[in-house]
C-alpha atoms as a PDB file:
ATOM      1  CA  MET A   1     186.231  98.929  29.216  1.00  0.00           C
ATOM      2  CA  LEU A   2     186.945 102.328  27.683  1.00  0.00           C
ATOM      3  CA  VAL A   3     190.701 102.940  27.439  1.00  0.00           C
ATOM      4  CA  THR A   4     191.951 106.503  26.889  1.00  0.00           C
ATOM      5  CA  ILE A   5     195.402 106.763  25.309  1.00  0.00           C
ATOM      6  CA  ILE A   6     196.964 110.069  26.425  1.00  0.00           C
ATOM      7  CA  ILE A   7     199.762 111.324  24.156  1.00  0.00           C
ATOM      8  CA  PRO A   8     201.335 114.746  24.826  1.00  0.00           C
ATOM      9  CA  CYS A   9     203.078 116.172  21.740  1.00  0.00           C
ATOM     10  CA  CYS A  10     205.410 119.074  21.092  1.00  0.00           C
ATOM     11  CA  ASN A  11     206.849 119.469  17.595  1.00  0.00           C
ATOM     12  CA  GLU A  12     206.432 115.799  16.715  1.00  0.00           C
ATOM     13  CA  VAL A  13     205.408 116.187  13.077  1.00  0.00           C
ATOM     14  CA  ASP A  14     208.141 113.746  11.988  1.00  0.00           C
ATOM     15  CA  SER A  15     207.050 111.107  14.512  1.00  0.00           C
ATOM     16  CA  LEU A  16     203.313 111.247  13.832  1.00  0.00           C
ATOM     17  CA  PRO A  17     203.098 109.105  10.652  1.00  0.00           C
ATOM     18  CA  ARG A  18     204.727 106.118  12.354  1.00  0.00           C
ATOM     19  CA  LEU A  19     202.786 106.763  15.568  1.00  0.00           C
ATOM     20  CA  PHE A  20     199.419 106.815  13.791  1.00  0.00           C
ATOM     21  CA  ASN A  21     200.337 103.759  11.758  1.00  0.00           C
ATOM     22  CA  GLU A  22     201.001 101.879  15.003  1.00  0.00           C
ATOM     23  CA  LEU A  23     197.891 103.200  16.734  1.00  0.00           C
ATOM     24  CA  GLN A  24     195.677 101.775  13.990  1.00  0.00           C
ATOM     25  CA  ARG A  25     196.459  98.349  15.457  1.00  0.00           C
ATOM     26  CA  LEU A  26     194.941  99.208  18.840  1.00  0.00           C
ATOM     27  CA  PRO A  27     191.479  97.684  18.273  1.00  0.00           C
ATOM     28  CA  HIS A  28     193.144  94.418  17.247  1.00  0.00           C
ATOM     29  CA  LEU A  29     195.644  94.498  20.133  1.00  0.00           C
ATOM     30  CA  LEU A  30     193.038  95.269  22.777  1.00  0.00           C
ATOM     31  CA  GLY A  31     190.406  92.841  21.572  1.00  0.00           C
ATOM     32  CA  PRO A  32     186.621  93.098  21.939  1.00  0.00           C
ATOM     33  CA  ALA A  33     186.694  93.694  25.716  1.00  0.00           C
ATOM     34  CA  HIS A  34     188.330  97.128  25.450  1.00  0.00           C
ATOM     35  CA  PHE A  35     187.423 100.215  23.428  1.00  0.00           C
ATOM     36  CA  PRO A  36     190.202 102.755  22.734  1.00  0.00           C
ATOM     37  CA  GLU A  37     189.954 106.504  22.453  1.00  0.00           C
ATOM     38  CA  LEU A  38     192.909 108.754  21.681  1.00  0.00           C
ATOM     39  CA  LEU A  39     193.561 112.053  23.435  1.00  0.00           C
ATOM     40  CA  LEU A  40     196.403 113.981  21.797  1.00  0.00           C
ATOM     41  CA  LEU A  41     197.561 117.126  23.592  1.00  0.00           C
ATOM     42  CA  ASP A  42     199.464 119.513  21.338  1.00  0.00           C
ATOM     43  CA  ASP A  43     201.790 121.417  23.670  1.00  0.00           C
ATOM     44  CA  GLY A  44     202.371 124.590  21.668  1.00  0.00           C
ATOM     45  CA  SER A  45     203.838 122.926  18.564  1.00  0.00           C
ATOM     46  CA  THR A  46     205.098 125.207  15.791  1.00  0.00           C
ATOM     47  CA  ASP A  47     205.977 122.583  13.164  1.00  0.00           C
ATOM     48  CA  GLY A  48     202.549 121.554  11.889  1.00  0.00           C
ATOM     49  CA  THR A  49     201.914 118.780  14.414  1.00  0.00           C
ATOM     50  CA  ALA A  50     198.270 119.840  14.818  1.00  0.00           C
ATOM     51  CA  VAL A  51     197.664 119.900  11.047  1.00  0.00           C
ATOM     52  CA  VAL A  52     198.948 116.351  10.583  1.00  0.00           C
ATOM     53  CA  ALA A  53     197.037 115.152  13.642  1.00  0.00           C
ATOM     54  CA  ARG A  54     193.752 116.651  12.422  1.00  0.00           C
ATOM     55  CA  ALA A  55     194.190 115.008   9.030  1.00  0.00           C
ATOM     56  CA  TRP A  56     194.574 111.606  10.682  1.00  0.00           C
ATOM     57  CA  CYS A  57     191.690 112.306  13.049  1.00  0.00           C
ATOM     58  CA  ASP A  58     189.255 112.202  10.116  1.00  0.00           C
ATOM     59  CA  ARG A  59     190.203 108.610   9.267  1.00  0.00           C
ATOM     60  CA  SER A  60     190.974 107.244  12.737  1.00  0.00           C
ATOM     61  CA  PRO A  61     189.394 103.810  13.342  1.00  0.00           C
ATOM     62  CA  PHE A  62     188.399 104.881  16.860  1.00  0.00           C
ATOM     63  CA  PRO A  63     187.417 108.165  18.572  1.00  0.00           C
ATOM     64  CA  MET A  64     190.193 110.770  18.705  1.00  0.00           C
ATOM     65  CA  ARG A  65     190.354 114.258  20.163  1.00  0.00           C
ATOM     66  CA  ILE A  66     193.059 116.893  19.768  1.00  0.00           C
ATOM     67  CA  ILE A  67     193.506 119.449  22.538  1.00  0.00           C
ATOM     68  CA  GLY A  68     195.754 122.318  21.434  1.00  0.00           C
ATOM     69  CA  PHE A  69     197.631 124.932  23.456  1.00  0.00           C
ATOM     70  CA  ASP A  70     199.160 128.127  22.087  1.00  0.00           C
ATOM     71  CA  ALA A  71     202.296 128.012  24.256  1.00  0.00           C
ATOM     72  CA  ASN A  72     204.548 125.202  25.392  1.00  0.00           C
ATOM     73  CA  ARG A  73     203.723 124.371  28.997  1.00  0.00           C
ATOM     74  CA  GLY A  74     205.553 121.116  29.610  1.00  0.00           C
ATOM     75  CA  LEU A  75     204.746 117.441  30.081  1.00  0.00           C
ATOM     76  CA  GLY A  76     203.395 117.819  33.600  1.00  0.00           C
ATOM     77  CA  ALA A  77     200.934 120.493  32.503  1.00  0.00           C
ATOM     78  CA  MET A  78     199.697 118.240  29.689  1.00  0.00           C
ATOM     79  CA  LEU A  79     199.177 115.344  32.097  1.00  0.00           C
ATOM     80  CA  ARG A  80     197.088 117.608  34.310  1.00  0.00           C
ATOM     81  CA  GLU A  81     195.045 118.865  31.364  1.00  0.00           C
ATOM     82  CA  ALA A  82     194.383 115.293  30.242  1.00  0.00           C
ATOM     83  CA  ALA A  83     192.496 114.598  33.472  1.00  0.00           C
ATOM     84  CA  GLU A  84     189.759 116.992  32.360  1.00  0.00           C
ATOM     85  CA  PHE A  85     189.201 115.452  28.934  1.00  0.00           C
ATOM     86  CA  ALA A  86     189.947 111.713  29.342  1.00  0.00           C
ATOM     87  CA  GLN A  87     186.758 109.671  29.585  1.00  0.00           C
ATOM     88  CA  GLY A  88     188.194 106.187  29.984  1.00  0.00           C
ATOM     89  CA  ASP A  89     188.048 103.834  32.951  1.00  0.00           C
ATOM     90  CA  ALA A  90     191.735 103.142  32.269  1.00  0.00           C
ATOM     91  CA  LEU A  91     194.105 105.956  31.260  1.00  0.00           C
ATOM     92  CA  VAL A  92     197.260 105.122  29.325  1.00  0.00           C
ATOM     93  CA  THR A  93     200.140 107.596  29.136  1.00  0.00           C
ATOM     94  CA  TYR A  94     202.340 107.141  26.084  1.00  0.00           C
ATOM     95  CA  ASP A  95     204.985 109.096  24.148  1.00  0.00           C
ATOM     96  CA  ALA A  96     204.660 110.229  20.539  1.00  0.00           C
ATOM     97  CA  ASP A  97     208.064 108.838  19.535  1.00  0.00           C
ATOM     98  CA  LEU A  98     207.017 105.232  20.320  1.00  0.00           C
ATOM     99  CA  PRO A  99     209.752 104.445  22.855  1.00  0.00           C
ATOM    100  CA  TYR A 100     207.983 101.278  24.033  1.00  0.00           C
ATOM    101  CA  PRO A 101     206.010  98.554  22.208  1.00  0.00           C
ATOM    102  CA  LEU A 102     202.243  98.923  22.103  1.00  0.00           C
ATOM    103  CA  GLU A 103     202.172  95.132  22.356  1.00  0.00           C
ATOM    104  CA  ASP A 104     202.760  95.550  26.106  1.00  0.00           C
ATOM    105  CA  LEU A 105     199.342  97.129  26.544  1.00  0.00           C
ATOM    106  CA  PRO A 106     197.153  93.983  26.846  1.00  0.00           C
ATOM    107  CA  ALA A 107     199.312  92.626  29.688  1.00  0.00           C
ATOM    108  CA  MET A 108     199.329  96.015  31.403  1.00  0.00           C
ATOM    109  CA  LEU A 109     195.528  96.235  31.222  1.00  0.00           C
ATOM    110  CA  ALA A 110     195.254  92.687  32.535  1.00  0.00           C
ATOM    111  CA  ALA A 111     197.366  93.654  35.547  1.00  0.00           C
ATOM    112  CA  LEU A 112     195.088  96.629  36.166  1.00  0.00           C
ATOM    113  CA  LEU A 113     192.008  94.403  36.046  1.00  0.00           C
ATOM    114  CA  ALA A 114     193.737  91.986  38.410  1.00  0.00           C
ATOM    115  CA  GLY A 115     193.899  94.647  41.116  1.00  0.00           C
ATOM    116  CA  ALA A 116     196.688  97.118  40.361  1.00  0.00           C
ATOM    117  CA  ASP A 117     196.004 100.853  40.572  1.00  0.00           C
ATOM    118  CA  VAL A 118     198.860 101.759  38.246  1.00  0.00           C
ATOM    119  CA  VAL A 119     200.932  99.546  35.943  1.00  0.00           C
ATOM    120  CA  THR A 120     204.238 100.804  34.620  1.00  0.00           C
ATOM    121  CA  ALA A 121     206.414  99.460  31.838  1.00  0.00           C
ATOM    122  CA  SER A 122     210.066  99.073  32.817  1.00  0.00           C
ATOM    123  CA  PRO A 123     213.258  98.659  30.817  1.00  0.00           C
ATOM    124  CA  TRP A 124     215.168  98.211  34.092  1.00  0.00           C
ATOM    125  CA  HIS A 125     213.116  95.220  35.210  1.00  0.00           C
ATOM    126  CA  PRO A 126     215.366  92.117  35.212  1.00  0.00           C
ATOM    127  CA  ALA A 127     213.525  90.893  32.117  1.00  0.00           C
ATOM    128  CA  GLY A 128     213.480  94.290  30.419  1.00  0.00           C
ATOM    129  CA  SER A 129     215.906  95.805  27.914  1.00  0.00           C
ATOM    130  CA  ALA A 130     217.061  99.180  26.617  1.00  0.00           C
ATOM    131  CA  GLN A 131     218.734 100.351  23.415  1.00  0.00           C
ATOM    132  CA  VAL A 132     219.891 103.738  24.621  1.00  0.00           C
ATOM    133  CA  SER A 133     223.229 105.375  25.342  1.00  0.00           C
ATOM    134  CA  TRP A 134     225.107 104.149  28.392  1.00  0.00           C
ATOM    135  CA  TRP A 135     224.941 107.552  30.077  1.00  0.00           C
ATOM    136  CA  ARG A 136     221.174 107.814  29.666  1.00  0.00           C
ATOM    137  CA  ALA A 137     220.750 104.296  31.055  1.00  0.00           C
ATOM    138  CA  ALA A 138     223.094 105.040  33.970  1.00  0.00           C
ATOM    139  CA  LEU A 139     221.282 108.270  34.785  1.00  0.00           C
ATOM    140  CA  SER A 140     217.828 106.679  34.731  1.00  0.00           C
ATOM    141  CA  ARG A 141     218.952 103.675  36.773  1.00  0.00           C
ATOM    142  CA  THR A 142     220.621 105.913  39.363  1.00  0.00           C
ATOM    143  CA  ILE A 143     217.617 108.191  39.730  1.00  0.00           C
ATOM    144  CA  SER A 144     215.280 105.215  40.040  1.00  0.00           C
ATOM    145  CA  LYS A 145     217.505 103.683  42.714  1.00  0.00           C
ATOM    146  CA  LEU A 146     217.372 106.930  44.679  1.00  0.00           C
ATOM    147  CA  TYR A 147     213.577 106.928  44.505  1.00  0.00           C
ATOM    148  CA  ARG A 148     213.508 103.329  45.750  1.00  0.00           C
ATOM    149  CA  LEU A 149     215.723 104.242  48.679  1.00  0.00           C
ATOM    150  CA  ARG A 150     213.566 107.269  49.428  1.00  0.00           C
ATOM    151  CA  LEU A 151     210.326 105.265  49.433  1.00  0.00           C
ATOM    152  CA  GLY A 152     211.567 102.103  51.115  1.00  0.00           C
ATOM    153  CA  ARG A 153     209.005  99.300  51.225  1.00  0.00           C
ATOM    154  CA  ARG A 154     206.466 101.276  49.227  1.00  0.00           C
ATOM    155  CA  ALA A 155     208.727 100.932  46.180  1.00  0.00           C
ATOM    156  CA  GLN A 156     209.156  97.175  46.535  1.00  0.00           C
ATOM    157  CA  GLY A 157     209.213  95.481  43.135  1.00  0.00           C
ATOM    158  CA  LEU A 158     209.779  98.702  41.189  1.00  0.00           C
ATOM    159  CA  HIS A 159     212.926  99.267  39.144  1.00  0.00           C
ATOM    160  CA  THR A 160     212.125 102.473  37.261  1.00  0.00           C
ATOM    161  CA  PHE A 161     210.390 105.748  38.065  1.00  0.00           C
ATOM    162  CA  THR A 162     211.181 107.637  34.863  1.00  0.00           C
ATOM    163  CA  CYS A 163     209.161 105.609  32.363  1.00  0.00           C
ATOM    164  CA  GLY A 164     206.185 107.459  30.864  1.00  0.00           C
ATOM    165  CA  TYR A 165     204.392 104.348  29.572  1.00  0.00           C
ATOM    166  CA  ARG A 166     201.809 103.536  32.243  1.00  0.00           C
ATOM    167  CA  VAL A 167     198.245 102.354  32.664  1.00  0.00           C
ATOM    168  CA  TRP A 168     196.243 104.008  35.437  1.00  0.00           C
ATOM    169  CA  ARG A 169     192.887 103.543  37.042  1.00  0.00           C
ATOM    170  CA  ALA A 170     191.145 106.799  36.239  1.00  0.00           C
ATOM    171  CA  ALA A 171     190.599 107.670  39.915  1.00  0.00           C
ATOM    172  CA  THR A 172     194.238 106.952  40.803  1.00  0.00           C
ATOM    173  CA  TYR A 173     195.461 109.073  37.895  1.00  0.00           C
ATOM    174  CA  ARG A 174     193.397 112.047  38.989  1.00  0.00           C
ATOM    175  CA  ALA A 175     194.493 111.643  42.615  1.00  0.00           C
ATOM    176  CA  SER A 176     198.167 111.604  41.569  1.00  0.00           C
ATOM    177  CA  LEU A 177     198.358 114.604  39.243  1.00  0.00           C
ATOM    178  CA  PRO A 178     201.782 116.279  39.207  1.00  0.00           C
ATOM    179  CA  THR A 179     202.487 119.777  40.455  1.00  0.00           C
ATOM    180  CA  ARG A 180     205.633 120.068  38.320  1.00  0.00           C
ATOM    181  CA  ASP A 181     205.504 120.837  34.609  1.00  0.00           C
ATOM    182  CA  GLY A 182     208.637 119.174  33.210  1.00  0.00           C
ATOM    183  CA  PHE A 183     209.625 115.574  32.495  1.00  0.00           C
ATOM    184  CA  VAL A 184     210.014 114.922  36.230  1.00  0.00           C
ATOM    185  CA  ALA A 185     206.200 114.843  36.356  1.00  0.00           C
ATOM    186  CA  THR A 186     206.178 111.136  35.466  1.00  0.00           C
ATOM    187  CA  ALA A 187     208.192 110.281  38.567  1.00  0.00           C
ATOM    188  CA  GLU A 188     206.169 112.677  40.704  1.00  0.00           C
ATOM    189  CA  MET A 189     202.910 110.987  39.733  1.00  0.00           C
ATOM    190  CA  LEU A 190     204.193 107.550  40.691  1.00  0.00           C
ATOM    191  CA  LEU A 191     205.627 108.975  43.901  1.00  0.00           C
ATOM    192  CA  ARG A 192     202.282 110.518  44.837  1.00  0.00           C
ATOM    193  CA  ALA A 193     200.408 107.327  44.006  1.00  0.00           C
ATOM    194  CA  LEU A 194     202.671 105.150  46.144  1.00  0.00           C
ATOM    195  CA  ARG A 195     202.516 107.518  49.086  1.00  0.00           C
ATOM    196  CA  SER A 196     198.733 107.460  48.957  1.00  0.00           C
ATOM    197  CA  GLY A 197     198.753 103.674  49.230  1.00  0.00           C
ATOM    198  CA  ALA A 198     198.110 102.835  45.587  1.00  0.00           C
ATOM    199  CA  ARG A 199     199.186  99.404  44.391  1.00  0.00           C
ATOM    200  CA  ALA A 200     201.792  99.668  41.618  1.00  0.00           C
ATOM    201  CA  VAL A 201     202.796  96.787  39.364  1.00  0.00           C
ATOM    202  CA  GLU A 202     205.811  96.841  37.058  1.00  0.00           C
ATOM    203  CA  LEU A 203     206.078  94.793  33.862  1.00  0.00           C
ATOM    204  CA  PRO A 204     209.243  94.380  31.776  1.00  0.00           C
ATOM    205  CA  SER A 205     209.463  96.290  28.515  1.00  0.00           C
ATOM    206  CA  ALA A 206     211.962  97.255  25.830  1.00  0.00           C
ATOM    207  CA  LEU A 207     213.069 100.888  25.601  1.00  0.00           C
ATOM    208  CA  ARG A 208     213.867 101.797  22.005  1.00  0.00           C
ATOM    209  CA  PRO A 209     215.819 104.728  20.535  1.00  0.00           C
ATOM    210  CA  ARG A 210     214.011 107.635  18.899  1.00  0.00           C
ATOM    211  CA  LEU A 211     213.862 107.188  15.121  1.00  0.00           C
ATOM    212  CA  GLU A 212     212.288 110.486  14.068  1.00  0.00           C
ATOM    213  CA  GLY A 213     212.327 114.021  15.361  1.00  0.00           C
ATOM    214  CA  VAL A 214     214.384 115.524  18.162  1.00  0.00           C
ATOM    215  CA  SER A 215     214.169 114.711  21.852  1.00  0.00           C
ATOM    216  CA  LYS A 216     212.898 117.536  24.051  1.00  0.00           C
ATOM    217  CA  LEU A 217     214.595 116.101  27.149  1.00  0.00           C
ATOM    218  CA  ARG A 218     217.201 118.374  28.721  1.00  0.00           C
ATOM    219  CA  VAL A 219     219.327 115.967  30.707  1.00  0.00           C
ATOM    220  CA  LEU A 220     220.938 118.301  33.248  1.00  0.00           C
ATOM    221  CA  ARG A 221     217.721 120.240  33.877  1.00  0.00           C
ATOM    222  CA  THR A 222     215.723 117.036  34.324  1.00  0.00           C
ATOM    223  CA  ALA A 223     218.339 115.450  36.600  1.00  0.00           C
ATOM    224  CA  CYS A 224     218.287 118.539  38.833  1.00  0.00           C
ATOM    225  CA  ALA A 225     214.489 118.449  38.921  1.00  0.00           C
ATOM    226  CA  HIS A 226     214.580 114.820  40.072  1.00  0.00           C
ATOM    227  CA  LEU A 227     217.049 115.698  42.830  1.00  0.00           C
ATOM    228  CA  ARG A 228     214.825 118.546  44.012  1.00  0.00           C
ATOM    229  CA  LEU A 229     211.840 116.217  44.062  1.00  0.00           C
ATOM    230  CA  LEU A 230     213.803 113.639  46.036  1.00  0.00           C
ATOM    231  CA  LEU A 231     214.970 116.194  48.581  1.00  0.00           C
ATOM    232  CA  ARG A 232     211.627 117.949  49.015  1.00  0.00           C
ATOM    233  CA  GLY A 233     209.517 114.828  48.814  1.00  0.00           C
END
């Protein structure tokens, strides 16, 4: 199965060396049944992200494409753009700062092959963990609880809606594209998938702190965007 790894980037030049070092392990992690391709979307970076990415592209052990944009458009816009270029049967959304272990990917793909339409990693699963500030954890847990209450039975078994590390069936991904451009797009996509009847499976994961670069997340702005999404549905 062809697996497209979708990684939106904005000014991640400091994160890219470690990211590419980890991605080199993908063929070994996935095994002979899966074939990875990397789709990196450069969201208007001004720090040389594209230059570093192109240099690694020449020695990548698997196919890699870089899609560049002149202006910053936001995570949601990059997820929409990815639908046009991703060729895989399974589409994996992942963050450039490596917040979750790539080692989760084989189990996530197995869950997809077992019948799930979307598989999400989750630090808030009872078996998950998170090494982040207490206020970030509290905010994410609270927002996810509100989404569960909003969705009722359709959210059964889900503990987080804000995680960006997911594996999608290609058709489900394209049917769930976000209309919002910011970080809230990850929650919107899962919301749209669940409301369309898609089967979502959650697997425990470990959320790790950022080691390089600067987070682009604006907490208050993102929290307000989640509340608007909750209220407007």
